[in-house]
């Protein structure tokens, strides 16, 4: 069964860094737009960042305002992995982080507008001193 797997979560101190990774089993990430979402206790799930598929005609990335300048999303197409580098972490970044994949929709060019229909199980990130 096709699935996504996140890794790299854990505990970090404020100001520290973590790198999340997303891999897929039984399908290639290369052909999908990939998003990173997070959900903190008592809050709705939110899109943190996303990146268009490999060789997209309209390559783009997106960052939520709360993480802009601190988080970086990237694709390693040779290894079929998508990373989310998280720097200058804050306690409010504490959440479960989910990797998701979207089948490209020719009618939507921005990764933030895609329908994400494949999900990982999530990776806990805790930022605390």
Foldseek 3Di string as FASTA:
>chain_A
DKAKAKDWADEAAQQAKIKIKIAIPPDFLQQWKKWKWWDDPPGDIDTAKIWGHHPAPQTDMDGDPVQPPFWDWDADRVVRMIMIIGGSDDQVVWTWMKMFTFRDDPVDRDSVPGDTDHIHPTGTHGYHD
